[in-house]
Amino acid sequence: MTDQQQPTTAPVWAERGQERQQPPTLLALRDLVAAGSRVTHVVARRAGLSETELVTLEHLSREQIGPAEVARRLEVSTAAATGIVDRLVSRGHVERRPHEVDRRRTDLHITDSGRGEIVGHLMPMFAALDRHDAEFSDEEKAVVERYLRGATRAFERVLEP
């Protein structure tokens, strides 16, 4: 939804039996979450990857983790995580290396090919987000960050056992 496309009516949601209209901030957040989900699906398809392979590359672009941590983050079995890693290694997007301290463990490292796969598809979005972010004052950014951090905590409540 673009800035010009505002919903004519807000969906109703219920909490403990009380119905209320969703405020524009929650509608915008829902739109963002839906767009993010579509981005993952479309970028994975364009790159010829599964969504789990793309998400694995995204994790590895931020930090080095091992196959067991991939399994934990994706909430898949270690066997499934091994298959995901095997496919990424065979495409040249990931390398397995011995852990620096514990030689029994393996770390996964994203390669230039893997990083290029992510950046190549997502750079237009990153650039647009950077331009959009520059439009806000430091005070406005602080409010947006506080809102988004609180929204993240709300999302994470669903993930709790």
Protein backbone atom coordinates (compact mmCIF):
# COMPACT_ATOMS: atom_id res chain seq x y z
CA MET A 1 0.00 0.00 0.00
CA THR A 2 1.43 3.38 -0.96
CA ASP A 3 1.20 6.59 1.04
CA GLN A 4 -1.70 7.65 -1.17
CA GLN A 5 -3.64 4.43 -0.62
CA GLN A 6 -5.24 4.74 2.79
CA PRO A 7 -7.76 2.14 3.93
CA THR A 8 -11.33 3.40 3.88
CA THR A 9 -12.28 1.36 6.92
CA ALA A 10 -10.10 -0.23 9.52
CA PRO A 11 -10.63 -3.93 10.21
CA VAL A 12 -12.19 -4.76 13.53
CA TRP A 13 -10.39 -7.00 15.97
CA ALA A 14 -11.41 -8.36 19.31
CA GLU A 15 -9.48 -8.59 22.52
CA ARG A 16 -11.18 -10.32 25.42
CA GLY A 17 -14.56 -9.88 23.79
CA GLN A 18 -14.20 -6.15 23.12
CA GLU A 19 -14.24 -5.06 19.50
CA ARG A 20 -12.37 -1.97 18.40
CA GLN A 21 -11.12 -0.36 15.24
CA GLN A 22 -7.46 -0.80 14.47
CA PRO A 23 -5.52 2.46 14.65
CA PRO A 24 -3.56 3.54 11.54
CA THR A 25 -0.26 2.60 13.20
CA LEU A 26 -1.34 -1.03 13.54
CA LEU A 27 -2.68 -1.09 10.00
CA ALA A 28 0.64 0.27 8.74
CA LEU A 29 2.54 -2.32 10.79
CA ARG A 30 0.39 -5.12 9.36
CA ASP A 31 1.10 -3.81 5.85
CA LEU A 32 4.84 -3.78 6.62
CA VAL A 33 4.80 -7.34 7.95
CA ALA A 34 2.82 -8.56 4.93
CA ALA A 35 5.20 -6.78 2.52
CA GLY A 36 8.19 -8.28 4.33
CA SER A 37 6.75 -11.75 3.95
CA ARG A 38 6.16 -11.17 0.24
CA VAL A 39 9.73 -9.86 -0.17
CA THR A 40 11.15 -13.05 1.32
CA HIS A 41 9.01 -15.21 -0.97
CA VAL A 42 9.72 -13.23 -4.15
CA VAL A 43 13.46 -12.79 -3.54
CA ALA A 44 13.86 -16.49 -2.76
CA ARG A 45 12.05 -17.40 -5.99
CA ARG A 46 14.09 -14.94 -8.07
CA ALA A 47 17.33 -16.25 -6.58
CA GLY A 48 16.32 -19.87 -7.13
CA LEU A 49 16.44 -20.54 -3.40
CA SER A 50 13.94 -21.89 -0.93
CA GLU A 51 12.69 -19.41 1.65
CA THR A 52 14.60 -21.29 4.36
CA GLU A 53 17.79 -21.06 2.30
CA LEU A 54 17.30 -17.31 1.88
CA VAL A 55 16.61 -16.83 5.60
CA THR A 56 19.73 -18.85 6.39
CA LEU A 57 21.79 -16.56 4.14
CA GLU A 58 20.27 -13.54 5.89
CA HIS A 59 21.33 -14.94 9.28
CA LEU A 60 24.83 -15.70 8.00
CA SER A 61 25.16 -12.22 6.53
CA ARG A 62 24.91 -10.86 10.09
CA GLU A 63 26.97 -13.44 12.00
CA GLN A 64 28.77 -16.75 11.82
CA ILE A 65 26.71 -19.57 13.25
CA GLY A 66 26.82 -23.34 13.05
CA PRO A 67 24.38 -25.83 11.59
CA ALA A 68 22.78 -26.52 14.98
CA GLU A 69 22.06 -22.80 15.41
CA VAL A 70 20.56 -22.72 11.89
CA ALA A 71 18.23 -25.53 12.98
CA ARG A 72 17.26 -23.66 16.13
CA ARG A 73 16.59 -20.36 14.36
CA LEU A 74 14.60 -21.93 11.55
CA GLU A 75 12.85 -24.30 13.96
CA VAL A 76 13.72 -27.33 11.86
CA SER A 77 15.47 -30.58 12.70
CA THR A 78 19.26 -30.73 12.57
CA ALA A 79 18.92 -33.12 9.62
CA ALA A 80 16.80 -30.55 7.74
CA ALA A 81 19.30 -27.80 8.60
CA THR A 82 22.13 -29.97 7.28
CA GLY A 83 20.23 -30.35 4.00
CA ILE A 84 19.72 -26.58 3.77
CA VAL A 85 23.41 -25.95 4.43
CA ASP A 86 24.45 -28.68 1.97
CA ARG A 87 22.42 -27.00 -0.79
CA LEU A 88 23.91 -23.57 0.00
CA VAL A 89 27.43 -25.04 0.05
CA SER A 90 26.86 -26.80 -3.28
CA ARG A 91 25.80 -23.47 -4.83
CA GLY A 92 28.91 -21.79 -3.45
CA HIS A 93 26.95 -19.45 -1.17
CA VAL A 94 28.25 -20.88 2.13
CA GLU A 95 31.47 -22.48 3.36
CA ARG A 96 31.92 -24.79 6.32
CA ARG A 97 34.97 -24.01 8.46
CA PRO A 98 36.24 -25.46 11.72
CA HIS A 99 35.26 -23.44 14.79
CA GLU A 100 38.18 -21.30 15.96
CA VAL A 101 38.14 -22.62 19.54
CA ASP A 102 36.20 -25.90 19.54
CA ARG A 103 37.49 -27.99 16.62
CA ARG A 104 34.59 -30.44 17.04
CA ARG A 105 32.21 -27.71 15.88
CA THR A 106 31.72 -26.20 12.45
CA ASP A 107 31.02 -22.56 11.64
CA LEU A 108 29.20 -21.48 8.53
CA HIS A 109 30.54 -18.52 6.56
CA ILE A 110 28.65 -16.71 3.85
CA THR A 111 30.70 -16.34 0.67
CA ASP A 112 30.86 -13.38 -1.68
CA SER A 113 28.44 -15.31 -3.89
CA GLY A 114 25.96 -15.73 -1.03
CA ARG A 115 26.28 -12.11 0.06
CA GLY A 116 25.85 -11.00 -3.55
CA GLU A 117 22.69 -13.08 -3.83
CA ILE A 118 21.13 -11.19 -0.93
CA VAL A 119 22.47 -7.72 -1.65
CA GLY A 120 21.82 -7.92 -5.38
CA HIS A 121 18.13 -8.54 -4.87
CA LEU A 122 17.59 -6.36 -1.81
CA MET A 123 19.78 -3.32 -2.57
CA PRO A 124 16.94 -1.28 -4.13
CA MET A 125 14.91 -1.81 -0.96
CA PHE A 126 17.87 -0.96 1.29
CA ALA A 127 18.55 2.24 -0.67
CA ALA A 128 14.89 3.30 -0.52
CA LEU A 129 14.76 2.62 3.22
CA ASP A 130 17.93 4.64 3.74
CA ARG A 131 16.46 7.59 1.81
CA HIS A 132 13.21 7.31 3.78
CA ASP A 133 15.08 7.17 7.09
CA ALA A 134 16.99 10.34 6.18
CA GLU A 135 13.67 12.22 5.98
CA PHE A 136 13.17 11.98 9.76
CA SER A 137 14.71 14.02 12.54
CA ASP A 138 16.63 12.27 15.32
CA GLU A 139 13.66 12.81 17.65
CA GLU A 140 11.24 11.25 15.14
CA LYS A 141 13.59 8.33 14.61
CA ALA A 142 13.70 7.74 18.36
CA VAL A 143 9.89 7.50 18.48
CA VAL A 144 9.78 5.17 15.47
CA GLU A 145 12.49 2.98 16.96
CA ARG A 146 10.66 2.79 20.30
CA TYR A 147 7.44 1.80 18.49
CA LEU A 148 9.16 -0.84 16.38
CA ARG A 149 11.07 -2.32 19.34
CA GLY A 150 7.79 -2.61 21.25
CA ALA A 151 6.14 -4.21 18.22
CA THR A 152 9.03 -6.68 18.00
CA ARG A 153 8.51 -7.63 21.65
CA ALA A 154 4.80 -8.16 20.93
CA PHE A 155 5.63 -10.43 17.98
CA GLU A 156 8.12 -12.39 20.09
CA ARG A 157 5.39 -13.17 22.63
CA VAL A 158 3.86 -15.47 20.01
CA LEU A 159 7.19 -17.31 19.80
CA GLU A 160 7.38 -18.02 23.53
CA PRO A 161 6.60 -21.58 24.57
